[in-house]
Amino acid sequence: MVDTDLSLLSTGELLDGFAEMEREVRVRNERLLRWIAEMDRRGLAAELGYKDLVGVLKDRVHWDPSVSKAKLRRARLLMAQLGPSGAEIEPELPATAEALAEGELTEEHVDAIAKAMKNMPADAAPDKTAFVEQQLAEFGRNFEPGPIRDFGKKIIYRMFQNDEEPVDEDPAPPVNKVVLRDERGRLRFWGDVDPVIGAMFRAALDPLAKPHPTGPEGPDPRTLIERQGDAFAELVNLVLRADVLPEHGGETVTLAVTVSYDDLAAKTGHAVLDNQEHIPVKQLRKLACEAGVIPIVMGSRSQPLNVGRKARLFNSGLRRALVARDRGCAFPGCNRPPRHCEGHHITHWADGGRTSLHNGVLLCRRHHDLIHHSDWEVKLRNGIPYFIPPAFLDPLRQPRRNPLHMVS
């Protein structure tokens, strides 16, 4: 593979070759950690007159001390150690070590699993500790390191949720605080509120803080802080008027889009907006999931075959049902909360799909785009969303689900 002309490889061969090299790198990294662990076990640094192994590696292989410390920490977690009496101590993360040796995990996975294990109760039984670590290692075989922490919190909570929580003798009741201060003609404020009020506030603020659509002057130039400031001002005005409140998941725009029946069915060609601009049909199919688009489907003689209705959108009631079921983006490994998600028609409205709980799934914007523009598929099984990966990711195309939002 080293001498292969990469430009001659097909897309599949290029990706498969890269994946195989990555697996080899992971296996070699595991061997390297074993080497470090053995040097640490036998006290090689002291034998050579060094204070620690970090100094040895700095001079011998020119590693930065931060790199040496990180690898030494991982080696101690994954490999057996010698206790003060000389007895061998079992590794803290044996299942993780096994998966790393098989090339299934990266060193970043090791770090994520180690952090997640810190949430285990100090008095947890060894068998429960081993079970949680095994679950984290298995999760890491299928997902990147990022979601491991959230997954660990959920399984640890489910395992120990009935245990008594340590409480203070006289716990103070929760207090919501807001500090207001006038300074140079401006009002400055700071708040500290309980999680429920905080969630309600963000649910009202986030829809109003979205970036403005790209227009003649380009994308929205405001920073996130500026958008949230403008959203807060708008929220205050809405509350004072008390006749309309922001509705998350509501319609963002209303426009008519004209498209030929043949293009809509074939998922090719273009649709025409009110302002005579053209957009790809694929973009129309996604747009119709989240915005108030009224489709006008034209026949071969340019006669309207069907004029749709905005009722194709997921209204607030249906959205609440989707949130209750999916609890966030349903795509495998995604931890985006409901406020960052949109409703997606599993069977598209253009293909006769209904706007209902049994034909909907909650997806963040990134994974909504992915479902519309890739070979990923989503299906419901017993009311639970399962995602079928493209063949290049899994030749067997085995269904996957997202364990991060499972009900505790």
Protein backbone atom coordinates (compact mmCIF):
# COMPACT_ATOMS: atom_id res chain seq x y z
CA MET A 1 0.00 0.00 0.00
CA VAL A 2 2.93 2.35 0.69
CA ASP A 3 4.11 2.22 -2.94
CA THR A 4 0.59 2.41 -4.38
CA ASP A 5 -0.32 5.37 -6.56
CA LEU A 6 -3.17 6.76 -4.45
CA SER A 7 -4.69 8.54 -7.42
CA LEU A 8 -5.49 5.13 -8.96
CA LEU A 9 -7.51 3.90 -6.00
CA SER A 10 -11.28 3.93 -5.95
CA THR A 11 -13.10 5.83 -3.19
CA GLY A 12 -13.77 2.59 -1.32
CA GLU A 13 -10.17 1.39 -1.63
CA LEU A 14 -8.85 4.75 -0.44
CA LEU A 15 -11.09 4.80 2.63
CA ASP A 16 -10.51 1.10 3.46
CA GLY A 17 -6.75 1.55 3.17
CA PHE A 18 -6.81 4.55 5.46
CA ALA A 19 -8.94 2.70 8.03
CA GLU A 20 -6.53 -0.26 8.02
CA MET A 21 -3.52 2.02 8.55
CA GLU A 22 -5.33 3.76 11.40
CA ARG A 23 -5.99 0.39 13.04
CA GLU A 24 -2.29 -0.49 12.72
CA VAL A 25 -1.36 2.83 14.36
CA ARG A 26 -3.67 2.09 17.30
CA VAL A 27 -2.19 -1.39 17.77
CA ARG A 28 1.35 0.00 17.69
CA ASN A 29 0.35 2.70 20.20
CA GLU A 30 -0.90 -0.01 22.57
CA ARG A 31 2.44 -1.80 22.27
CA LEU A 32 4.22 1.49 22.93
CA LEU A 33 2.19 1.96 26.13
CA ARG A 34 3.14 -1.56 27.23
CA TRP A 35 6.79 -0.63 26.71
CA ILE A 36 6.34 2.52 28.79
CA ALA A 37 4.56 0.56 31.51
CA GLU A 38 7.42 -1.94 31.72
CA MET A 39 10.03 0.82 31.94
CA ASP A 40 7.96 2.41 34.69
CA ARG A 41 7.50 -0.90 36.57
CA ARG A 42 11.18 -1.71 36.74
CA GLY A 43 12.25 1.82 37.76
CA LEU A 44 14.32 2.47 34.66
CA ALA A 45 14.56 6.21 35.37
CA ALA A 46 16.20 5.72 38.78
CA GLU A 47 18.53 3.10 37.33
CA LEU A 48 19.76 5.67 34.80
CA GLY A 49 20.03 8.45 37.40
CA TYR A 50 16.91 10.37 36.32
CA LYS A 51 14.22 11.77 38.56
CA ASP A 52 11.44 10.24 36.48
CA LEU A 53 10.67 8.55 33.17
CA VAL A 54 9.52 11.84 31.64
CA GLY A 55 13.11 13.12 31.71
CA VAL A 56 14.40 9.90 30.13
CA LEU A 57 11.93 10.12 27.24
CA LYS A 58 12.64 13.81 26.79
CA ASP A 59 16.34 13.13 26.23
CA ARG A 60 16.07 9.77 24.43
CA VAL A 61 13.23 10.35 21.95
CA HIS A 62 12.74 14.13 22.34
CA TRP A 63 9.14 13.91 23.48
CA ASP A 64 7.58 16.99 24.97
CA PRO A 65 7.01 16.42 28.72
CA SER A 66 3.25 16.86 28.23
CA VAL A 67 3.24 13.96 25.75
CA SER A 68 5.31 11.75 28.06
CA LYS A 69 3.08 12.48 31.05
CA ALA A 70 -0.08 11.69 29.09
CA LYS A 71 1.29 8.38 27.78
CA LEU A 72 2.63 7.42 31.20
CA ARG A 73 -0.78 8.12 32.75
CA ARG A 74 -2.49 5.93 30.14
CA ALA A 75 0.06 3.14 30.57
CA ARG A 76 -0.58 3.05 34.32
CA LEU A 77 -4.34 2.82 33.73
CA LEU A 78 -4.11 0.04 31.17
CA MET A 79 -1.28 -2.18 32.40
CA ALA A 80 -0.71 -4.07 35.65
CA GLN A 81 1.35 -2.22 38.27
CA LEU A 82 3.58 -3.26 41.16
CA GLY A 83 2.40 -2.32 44.65
CA PRO A 84 4.69 -1.17 47.50
CA SER A 85 5.08 -4.79 48.62
CA GLY A 86 6.01 -5.95 45.13
CA ALA A 87 2.65 -7.62 44.52
CA GLU A 88 1.10 -7.11 41.11
CA ILE A 89 -1.96 -4.83 41.00
CA GLU A 90 -4.55 -5.41 38.27
CA PRO A 91 -4.98 -2.60 35.72
CA GLU A 92 -7.78 -0.12 36.32
CA LEU A 93 -9.15 -0.34 32.77
CA PRO A 94 -8.68 -3.94 31.54
CA ALA A 95 -11.57 -3.91 29.04
CA THR A 96 -10.29 -0.65 27.59
CA ALA A 97 -6.79 -2.13 27.30
CA GLU A 98 -8.19 -5.12 25.40
CA ALA A 99 -10.12 -2.94 22.94
CA LEU A 100 -7.05 -0.72 22.42
CA ALA A 101 -4.89 -3.78 21.68
CA GLU A 102 -7.41 -4.85 19.03
CA GLY A 103 -7.16 -1.47 17.32
CA GLU A 104 -10.75 -0.55 18.21
CA LEU A 105 -9.95 2.48 20.39
CA THR A 106 -7.64 5.49 20.29
CA GLU A 107 -5.66 6.97 23.15
CA GLU A 108 -8.27 9.74 23.28
CA HIS A 109 -10.86 7.05 24.01
CA VAL A 110 -8.72 5.93 26.95
CA ASP A 111 -8.70 9.47 28.35
CA ALA A 112 -12.47 9.80 27.93
CA ILE A 113 -13.17 6.46 29.63
CA ALA A 114 -10.84 7.33 32.51
CA LYS A 115 -12.68 10.63 33.05
CA ALA A 116 -16.07 8.92 32.91
CA MET A 117 -14.98 6.36 35.51
CA LYS A 118 -14.25 9.18 37.97
CA ASN A 119 -18.03 9.53 38.38
CA MET A 120 -18.22 6.09 40.00
CA PRO A 121 -19.05 6.20 43.74
CA ALA A 122 -15.96 5.70 45.89
CA ASP A 123 -17.53 2.70 47.63
CA ALA A 124 -18.79 0.98 44.45
CA ALA A 125 -18.38 -2.80 44.42
CA PRO A 126 -15.59 -4.12 42.15
CA ASP A 127 -18.03 -6.06 39.98
CA LYS A 128 -20.10 -2.92 39.32
CA THR A 129 -16.97 -0.95 38.53
CA ALA A 130 -15.84 -3.63 36.08
CA PHE A 131 -19.31 -3.71 34.47
CA VAL A 132 -19.36 0.06 33.88
CA GLU A 133 -15.86 0.06 32.41
CA GLN A 134 -16.81 -2.81 30.09
CA GLN A 135 -19.86 -0.87 28.90
CA LEU A 136 -17.78 2.24 28.24
CA ALA A 137 -15.20 0.26 26.29
CA GLU A 138 -17.92 -1.36 24.16
CA PHE A 139 -19.50 2.05 23.56
CA GLY A 140 -16.11 3.41 22.46
CA ARG A 141 -15.79 0.68 19.83
CA ASN A 142 -18.69 2.27 17.95
CA PHE A 143 -18.39 5.99 18.71
CA GLU A 144 -15.82 8.77 18.93
CA PRO A 145 -14.48 9.79 22.37
CA GLY A 146 -16.71 12.86 22.83
CA PRO A 147 -20.01 11.17 23.82
CA ILE A 148 -18.37 8.71 26.26
CA ARG A 149 -18.63 11.08 29.22
CA ASP A 150 -22.38 11.59 28.79
CA PHE A 151 -22.96 7.86 28.25
CA GLY A 152 -20.96 7.09 31.39
CA LYS A 153 -23.02 9.50 33.46
CA LYS A 154 -26.23 7.84 32.30
CA ILE A 155 -25.26 4.23 33.01
CA ILE A 156 -23.72 5.17 36.38
CA TYR A 157 -26.87 7.06 37.32
CA ARG A 158 -29.10 4.14 36.32
CA MET A 159 -26.96 1.74 38.35
CA PHE A 160 -26.80 3.85 41.51
CA GLN A 161 -29.98 5.96 41.27
CA ASN A 162 -31.58 4.17 44.22
CA ASP A 163 -28.60 4.68 46.51
CA GLU A 164 -28.97 7.23 49.28
CA GLU A 165 -27.53 10.58 48.41
CA PRO A 166 -25.26 12.28 50.96
CA VAL A 167 -27.00 15.40 52.24
CA ASP A 168 -26.02 18.29 54.46
CA GLU A 169 -27.45 18.44 57.93
CA ASP A 170 -29.33 21.63 57.12
CA PRO A 171 -29.53 21.90 53.33
CA ALA A 172 -30.20 25.41 52.16
CA PRO A 173 -33.31 25.82 49.97
CA PRO A 174 -32.56 26.70 46.34
CA VAL A 175 -32.64 30.43 45.72
CA ASN A 176 -32.84 32.17 42.35
CA LYS A 177 -30.79 35.35 42.16
CA VAL A 178 -30.60 38.23 39.70
CA VAL A 179 -28.30 41.20 40.28
CA LEU A 180 -29.21 44.47 38.50
CA ARG A 181 -26.83 47.40 38.30
CA ASP A 182 -27.05 50.72 36.43
CA GLU A 183 -23.68 51.77 35.03
CA ARG A 184 -23.10 54.72 32.68
CA GLY A 185 -26.53 54.61 31.15
CA ARG A 186 -26.56 50.84 30.75
CA LEU A 187 -28.16 48.10 32.83
CA ARG A 188 -25.79 45.29 33.73
CA PHE A 189 -27.16 42.14 35.28
CA TRP A 190 -26.06 38.73 36.42
CA GLY A 191 -28.18 35.72 37.27
CA ASP A 192 -27.95 32.43 39.11
CA VAL A 193 -31.08 30.27 38.77
CA ASP A 194 -32.02 26.64 39.34
CA PRO A 195 -31.81 24.14 36.44
CA VAL A 196 -35.55 24.12 35.75
CA ILE A 197 -35.80 27.89 35.38
CA GLY A 198 -32.56 27.85 33.41
CA ALA A 199 -33.93 25.29 30.96
CA MET A 200 -37.16 27.28 30.56
CA PHE A 201 -35.19 30.48 29.93
CA ARG A 202 -32.99 28.85 27.29
CA ALA A 203 -36.01 27.23 25.63
CA ALA A 204 -37.54 30.70 25.19
CA LEU A 205 -34.28 32.44 24.24
CA ASP A 206 -32.68 30.01 21.79
CA PRO A 207 -35.25 30.27 18.96
CA LEU A 208 -34.91 34.05 18.99
CA ALA A 209 -31.11 33.92 18.98
CA LYS A 210 -30.74 32.00 15.73
CA PRO A 211 -28.55 33.70 13.07
CA HIS A 212 -30.43 35.69 10.49
CA PRO A 213 -30.64 34.00 7.09
CA THR A 214 -27.96 34.92 4.58
CA GLY A 215 -29.11 37.88 2.54
CA PRO A 216 -27.74 40.49 0.12
CA GLU A 217 -25.32 41.70 2.82
CA GLY A 218 -24.00 38.20 3.54
CA PRO A 219 -24.37 36.03 6.64
CA ASP A 220 -25.47 37.35 10.01
CA PRO A 221 -22.45 39.37 11.28
CA ARG A 222 -23.51 39.19 14.96
CA THR A 223 -21.60 37.07 17.44
CA LEU A 224 -23.42 34.54 19.60
CA ILE A 225 -23.31 36.93 22.56
CA GLU A 226 -24.79 39.73 20.43
CA ARG A 227 -27.53 37.46 19.07
CA GLN A 228 -28.43 36.37 22.59
CA GLY A 229 -28.54 40.01 23.68
CA ASP A 230 -30.91 40.93 20.87
CA ALA A 231 -32.98 37.82 21.64
CA PHE A 232 -33.25 38.83 25.29
CA ALA A 233 -34.50 42.28 24.29
CA GLU A 234 -37.08 40.70 21.98
CA LEU A 235 -38.14 38.30 24.72
CA VAL A 236 -38.75 41.20 27.11
CA ASN A 237 -40.90 42.92 24.50
CA LEU A 238 -42.88 39.72 23.93
CA VAL A 239 -43.53 39.28 27.63
CA LEU A 240 -44.67 42.88 28.03
CA ARG A 241 -47.09 42.53 25.13
CA ALA A 242 -48.26 39.18 26.59
CA ASP A 243 -50.18 38.30 23.46
CA VAL A 244 -47.61 36.15 21.69
CA LEU A 245 -44.66 34.13 22.91
CA PRO A 246 -41.79 32.52 20.98
CA GLU A 247 -42.57 28.99 19.86
CA HIS A 248 -39.64 26.63 19.50
CA GLY A 249 -40.04 24.36 16.55
CA GLY A 250 -42.56 26.73 14.94
CA GLU A 251 -42.49 27.92 11.35
CA THR A 252 -39.46 29.92 10.28
CA VAL A 253 -40.63 31.14 6.86
CA THR A 254 -43.66 30.85 4.62
CA LEU A 255 -43.20 30.68 0.87
CA ALA A 256 -44.56 28.87 -2.16
CA VAL A 257 -42.22 26.60 -4.11
CA THR A 258 -43.05 25.33 -7.59
CA VAL A 259 -41.60 22.00 -8.73
CA SER A 260 -42.34 19.51 -11.48
CA TYR A 261 -43.77 16.16 -10.45
CA ASP A 262 -41.04 14.26 -12.33
CA ASP A 263 -38.24 16.17 -10.59
CA LEU A 264 -39.85 15.76 -7.18
CA ALA A 265 -40.30 12.01 -7.65
CA ALA A 266 -36.78 11.50 -9.02
CA LYS A 267 -35.21 13.78 -6.39
CA THR A 268 -33.33 15.65 -9.12
CA GLY A 269 -33.60 19.01 -10.85
CA HIS A 270 -34.65 22.32 -9.33
CA ALA A 271 -37.59 23.99 -7.68
CA VAL A 272 -38.54 27.66 -8.12
CA LEU A 273 -39.10 30.00 -5.17
CA ASP A 274 -41.47 32.97 -5.02
CA ASN A 275 -38.66 35.31 -6.08
CA GLN A 276 -37.85 33.11 -9.11
CA GLU A 277 -34.65 31.82 -7.53
CA HIS A 278 -33.85 28.16 -8.13
CA ILE A 279 -32.94 25.65 -5.46
CA PRO A 280 -32.08 21.93 -5.82
CA VAL A 281 -34.99 19.57 -5.21
CA LYS A 282 -32.94 17.82 -2.52
CA GLN A 283 -32.73 21.13 -0.65
CA LEU A 284 -36.48 21.60 -1.00
CA ARG A 285 -37.13 18.17 0.52
CA LYS A 286 -35.11 19.10 3.63
CA LEU A 287 -36.51 22.64 3.82
CA ALA A 288 -40.03 21.28 3.88
CA CYS A 289 -39.27 19.41 7.12
CA GLU A 290 -38.49 22.56 9.06
CA ALA A 291 -40.12 25.58 7.40
CA GLY A 292 -43.55 26.73 6.22
CA VAL A 293 -43.11 25.74 2.61
CA ILE A 294 -46.22 25.41 0.44
CA PRO A 295 -45.29 23.09 -2.45
CA ILE A 296 -47.03 23.50 -5.80
CA VAL A 297 -46.47 20.35 -7.87
CA MET A 298 -46.81 20.83 -11.63
CA GLY A 299 -47.71 18.23 -14.25
CA SER A 300 -46.28 17.78 -17.74
CA ARG A 301 -48.54 20.54 -19.15
CA SER A 302 -47.60 22.99 -16.39
CA GLN A 303 -50.92 22.51 -14.65
CA PRO A 304 -50.93 22.33 -10.83
CA LEU A 305 -51.37 18.72 -9.72
CA ASN A 306 -51.31 19.44 -6.01
CA VAL A 307 -51.05 22.48 -3.76
CA GLY A 308 -49.72 21.48 -0.36
CA ARG A 309 -50.47 22.90 3.05
CA LYS A 310 -48.28 24.13 5.86
CA ALA A 311 -49.86 21.46 8.08
CA ARG A 312 -47.07 19.18 6.88
CA LEU A 313 -44.88 20.76 9.58
CA PHE A 314 -44.45 19.29 13.04
CA ASN A 315 -46.61 21.53 15.23
CA SER A 316 -45.85 22.24 18.85
CA GLY A 317 -47.85 19.25 20.10
CA LEU A 318 -46.13 16.78 17.79
CA ARG A 319 -42.77 18.32 18.60
CA ARG A 320 -43.38 17.78 22.31
CA ALA A 321 -44.16 14.13 21.58
CA LEU A 322 -40.94 13.77 19.56
CA VAL A 323 -38.95 15.36 22.39
CA ALA A 324 -40.56 13.03 24.94
CA ARG A 325 -39.64 9.98 22.84
CA ASP A 326 -36.21 10.90 21.39
CA ARG A 327 -34.99 13.28 24.14
CA GLY A 328 -32.55 14.93 21.72
CA CYS A 329 -30.97 14.17 18.36
CA ALA A 330 -31.69 10.48 17.70
CA PHE A 331 -28.64 9.98 15.45
CA PRO A 332 -26.18 7.43 16.93
CA GLY A 333 -23.63 9.07 19.21
CA CYS A 334 -25.10 12.60 19.04
CA ASN A 335 -25.74 14.35 22.35
CA ARG A 336 -27.40 17.51 21.02
CA PRO A 337 -30.41 18.48 23.21
CA PRO A 338 -33.95 18.95 21.89
CA ARG A 339 -33.63 22.73 21.63
CA HIS A 340 -31.03 22.24 18.87
CA CYS A 341 -33.12 19.72 16.92
CA GLU A 342 -35.70 19.70 14.15
CA GLY A 343 -38.44 17.28 13.15
CA HIS A 344 -37.65 15.08 10.13
CA HIS A 345 -40.12 13.05 8.06
CA ILE A 346 -38.84 9.46 7.84
CA THR A 347 -40.97 8.91 4.74
CA HIS A 348 -40.85 12.29 3.07
CA TRP A 349 -44.04 14.26 2.57
CA ALA A 350 -43.31 14.27 -1.18
CA ASP A 351 -43.43 10.46 -1.12
CA GLY A 352 -46.73 10.36 0.74
CA GLY A 353 -45.31 10.45 4.26
CA ARG A 354 -47.62 11.79 6.99
CA THR A 355 -46.71 14.36 9.60
CA SER A 356 -47.06 12.15 12.64
CA LEU A 357 -45.12 10.78 15.59
CA HIS A 358 -44.80 7.44 13.79
CA ASN A 359 -43.22 9.09 10.76
CA GLY A 360 -41.02 11.60 12.57
CA VAL A 361 -37.64 11.69 14.24
CA LEU A 362 -35.75 14.44 16.06
CA LEU A 363 -32.43 15.42 14.41
CA CYS A 364 -29.93 18.21 14.95
CA ARG A 365 -29.27 20.39 11.92
CA ARG A 366 -25.99 18.61 11.08
CA HIS A 367 -27.49 15.13 11.09
CA HIS A 368 -30.67 16.37 9.39
CA ASP A 369 -28.46 17.48 6.49
CA LEU A 370 -26.62 14.15 6.56
CA ILE A 371 -29.82 12.10 6.32
CA HIS A 372 -30.99 14.14 3.34
CA HIS A 373 -27.69 14.09 1.44
CA SER A 374 -26.11 10.70 2.17
CA ASP A 375 -26.94 6.99 2.16
CA TRP A 376 -27.80 6.91 5.87
CA GLU A 377 -31.37 5.70 6.41
CA VAL A 378 -33.67 5.89 9.42
CA LYS A 379 -36.49 3.52 10.32
CA LEU A 380 -38.75 3.03 13.34
CA ARG A 381 -38.80 -0.33 15.10
CA ASN A 382 -41.35 -0.70 17.87
CA GLY A 383 -41.52 3.08 18.01
CA ILE A 384 -37.74 3.51 18.40
CA PRO A 385 -35.59 5.24 15.71
CA TYR A 386 -32.84 3.05 14.25
CA PHE A 387 -30.27 4.29 11.75
CA ILE A 388 -28.84 2.17 8.94
CA PRO A 389 -25.30 3.22 7.98
CA PRO A 390 -23.97 3.37 4.40
CA ALA A 391 -22.26 0.23 3.11
CA PHE A 392 -18.82 1.88 3.21
CA LEU A 393 -19.17 2.19 7.00
CA ASP A 394 -20.71 -1.22 7.56
CA PRO A 395 -21.02 -3.70 4.66
CA LEU A 396 -23.75 -5.53 6.61
CA ARG A 397 -25.60 -2.25 7.23
CA GLN A 398 -26.60 -3.30 10.73
CA PRO A 399 -29.09 -0.87 12.35
CA ARG A 400 -27.78 1.42 15.09
CA ARG A 401 -29.51 3.50 17.74
CA ASN A 402 -28.44 6.29 20.02
CA PRO A 403 -27.93 5.13 23.62
CA LEU A 404 -27.15 8.63 24.90
CA HIS A 405 -30.80 9.67 25.26
CA MET A 406 -32.24 6.44 26.62
CA VAL A 407 -34.68 7.00 29.47
CA SER A 408 -33.08 6.32 32.85
